Amino acid sequence: MLCSFLFVILFQVILPQVISAEKSNKKSEDVWKQDLSDAFQINPSTHGLEKVHLKCGASSMIVELETEKEFTGVMYTLNFFH
């Protein structure tokens, strides 16, 4: 679900702004300088995940996610690791 949410954010929030900027002959760099923090929120969710495999090393960490449905895309994470 989180992945679907991020995909929806990409195509409903960011992409229309890029298209709008291109149509109004603005530079696309202007779009990426905007503060979009109030436009959407990313909340933690485990919806859509079957399993999470975590392997910790001395100076590394590998996270493998198994999703309920086939997924190709990007998973966004934000955290502090010690």
C-alpha atoms as a PDB file:
ATOM      1  CA  MET A   1       0.000   0.000   0.000  1.00  0.00           C
ATOM      2  CA  LEU A   2       2.810   2.404   0.851  1.00  0.00           C
ATOM      3  CA  CYS A   3       4.347   1.709  -2.541  1.00  0.00           C
ATOM      4  CA  SER A   4       1.029   2.294  -4.252  1.00  0.00           C
ATOM      5  CA  PHE A   5       0.628   5.484  -2.241  1.00  0.00           C
ATOM      6  CA  LEU A   6       4.030   6.771  -3.370  1.00  0.00           C
ATOM      7  CA  PHE A   7       3.218   5.849  -6.980  1.00  0.00           C
ATOM      8  CA  VAL A   8      -0.055   7.775  -6.727  1.00  0.00           C
ATOM      9  CA  ILE A   9       1.794  10.753  -5.234  1.00  0.00           C
ATOM     10  CA  LEU A  10       4.215  10.717  -8.160  1.00  0.00           C
ATOM     11  CA  PHE A  11       1.502  10.689 -10.811  1.00  0.00           C
ATOM     12  CA  GLN A  12      -1.127  12.836  -9.107  1.00  0.00           C
ATOM     13  CA  VAL A  13       1.021  15.503  -7.447  1.00  0.00           C
ATOM     14  CA  ILE A  14       4.423  15.801  -9.072  1.00  0.00           C
ATOM     15  CA  LEU A  15       3.795  14.814 -12.703  1.00  0.00           C
ATOM     16  CA  PRO A  16       0.913  17.286 -13.262  1.00  0.00           C
ATOM     17  CA  GLN A  17       3.112  20.086 -11.922  1.00  0.00           C
ATOM     18  CA  VAL A  18       5.884  19.145 -14.335  1.00  0.00           C
ATOM     19  CA  ILE A  19       3.446  19.052 -17.258  1.00  0.00           C
ATOM     20  CA  SER A  20       1.908  22.355 -16.168  1.00  0.00           C
ATOM     21  CA  ALA A  21       5.343  23.968 -15.932  1.00  0.00           C
ATOM     22  CA  GLU A  22       6.274  22.725 -19.402  1.00  0.00           C
ATOM     23  CA  LYS A  23       3.016  24.024 -20.874  1.00  0.00           C
ATOM     24  CA  SER A  24       3.550  27.466 -19.408  1.00  0.00           C
ATOM     25  CA  ASN A  25       7.113  27.573 -20.797  1.00  0.00           C
ATOM     26  CA  LYS A  26       8.690  27.554 -17.334  1.00  0.00           C
ATOM     27  CA  LYS A  27      11.936  25.744 -16.744  1.00  0.00           C
ATOM     28  CA  SER A  28      11.331  22.304 -15.215  1.00  0.00           C
ATOM     29  CA  GLU A  29      14.005  23.108 -12.586  1.00  0.00           C
ATOM     30  CA  ASP A  30      11.566  25.613 -11.046  1.00  0.00           C
ATOM     31  CA  VAL A  31       9.165  22.792 -10.188  1.00  0.00           C
ATOM     32  CA  TRP A  32      11.754  20.932  -8.139  1.00  0.00           C
ATOM     33  CA  LYS A  33      12.568  24.017  -6.082  1.00  0.00           C
ATOM     34  CA  GLN A  34       9.047  24.112  -4.650  1.00  0.00           C
ATOM     35  CA  ASP A  35       8.292  23.047  -1.089  1.00  0.00           C
ATOM     36  CA  LEU A  36       5.831  20.153  -1.454  1.00  0.00           C
ATOM     37  CA  SER A  37       5.799  19.146   2.220  1.00  0.00           C
ATOM     38  CA  ASP A  38       2.196  20.347   2.661  1.00  0.00           C
ATOM     39  CA  ALA A  39       1.030  18.729  -0.586  1.00  0.00           C
ATOM     40  CA  PHE A  40       1.323  15.160   0.693  1.00  0.00           C
ATOM     41  CA  GLN A  41       2.332  13.149   3.724  1.00  0.00           C
ATOM     42  CA  ILE A  42       4.162   9.849   3.935  1.00  0.00           C
ATOM     43  CA  ASN A  43       2.942   7.716   6.813  1.00  0.00           C
ATOM     44  CA  PRO A  44       4.300   4.359   7.935  1.00  0.00           C
ATOM     45  CA  SER A  45       2.356   1.319   6.816  1.00  0.00           C
ATOM     46  CA  THR A  46       2.826  -2.427   6.583  1.00  0.00           C
ATOM     47  CA  HIS A  47      -0.160  -2.871   4.272  1.00  0.00           C
ATOM     48  CA  GLY A  48       0.794  -4.930   1.223  1.00  0.00           C
ATOM     49  CA  LEU A  49       3.872  -6.499   2.809  1.00  0.00           C
ATOM     50  CA  GLU A  50       4.060 -10.266   3.328  1.00  0.00           C
ATOM     51  CA  LYS A  51       7.493 -10.525   4.966  1.00  0.00           C
ATOM     52  CA  VAL A  52      10.440  -8.353   5.863  1.00  0.00           C
ATOM     53  CA  HIS A  53      13.881  -9.971   6.006  1.00  0.00           C
ATOM     54  CA  LEU A  54      16.568  -8.060   7.867  1.00  0.00           C
ATOM     55  CA  LYS A  55      20.263  -8.980   7.819  1.00  0.00           C
ATOM     56  CA  CYS A  56      22.556  -6.869   9.971  1.00  0.00           C
ATOM     57  CA  GLY A  57      26.314  -6.736   9.579  1.00  0.00           C
ATOM     58  CA  ALA A  58      28.971  -4.819  11.480  1.00  0.00           C
ATOM     59  CA  SER A  59      28.642  -1.798   9.194  1.00  0.00           C
ATOM     60  CA  SER A  60      25.767  -2.664   6.873  1.00  0.00           C
ATOM     61  CA  MET A  61      22.150  -3.697   6.775  1.00  0.00           C
ATOM     62  CA  ILE A  62      20.182  -5.525   4.069  1.00  0.00           C
ATOM     63  CA  VAL A  63      16.406  -5.262   4.020  1.00  0.00           C
ATOM     64  CA  GLU A  64      14.445  -7.562   1.716  1.00  0.00           C
ATOM     65  CA  LEU A  65      10.707  -6.998   1.347  1.00  0.00           C
ATOM     66  CA  GLU A  66       8.184  -9.530   0.065  1.00  0.00           C
ATOM     67  CA  THR A  67       4.971  -7.907  -1.144  1.00  0.00           C
ATOM     68  CA  GLU A  68       1.493  -9.418  -1.486  1.00  0.00           C
ATOM     69  CA  LYS A  69       1.349  -8.447  -5.162  1.00  0.00           C
ATOM     70  CA  GLU A  70       4.073  -8.125  -7.812  1.00  0.00           C
ATOM     71  CA  PHE A  71       5.831  -4.810  -7.370  1.00  0.00           C
ATOM     72  CA  THR A  72       8.416  -2.984  -9.447  1.00  0.00           C
ATOM     73  CA  GLY A  73       9.321   0.449  -8.262  1.00  0.00           C
ATOM     74  CA  VAL A  74      10.899   2.251  -5.349  1.00  0.00           C
ATOM     75  CA  MET A  75      10.333   1.783  -1.631  1.00  0.00           C
ATOM     76  CA  TYR A  76      10.888   4.929   0.413  1.00  0.00           C
ATOM     77  CA  THR A  77      12.344   4.595   3.899  1.00  0.00           C
ATOM     78  CA  LEU A  78      13.319   7.157   6.468  1.00  0.00           C
ATOM     79  CA  ASN A  79      14.909   6.218   9.735  1.00  0.00           C
ATOM     80  CA  PHE A  80      18.008   6.328  11.890  1.00  0.00           C
ATOM     81  CA  PHE A  81      20.188   3.256  12.069  1.00  0.00           C
ATOM     82  CA  HIS A  82      22.783   2.771  14.804  1.00  0.00           C
END
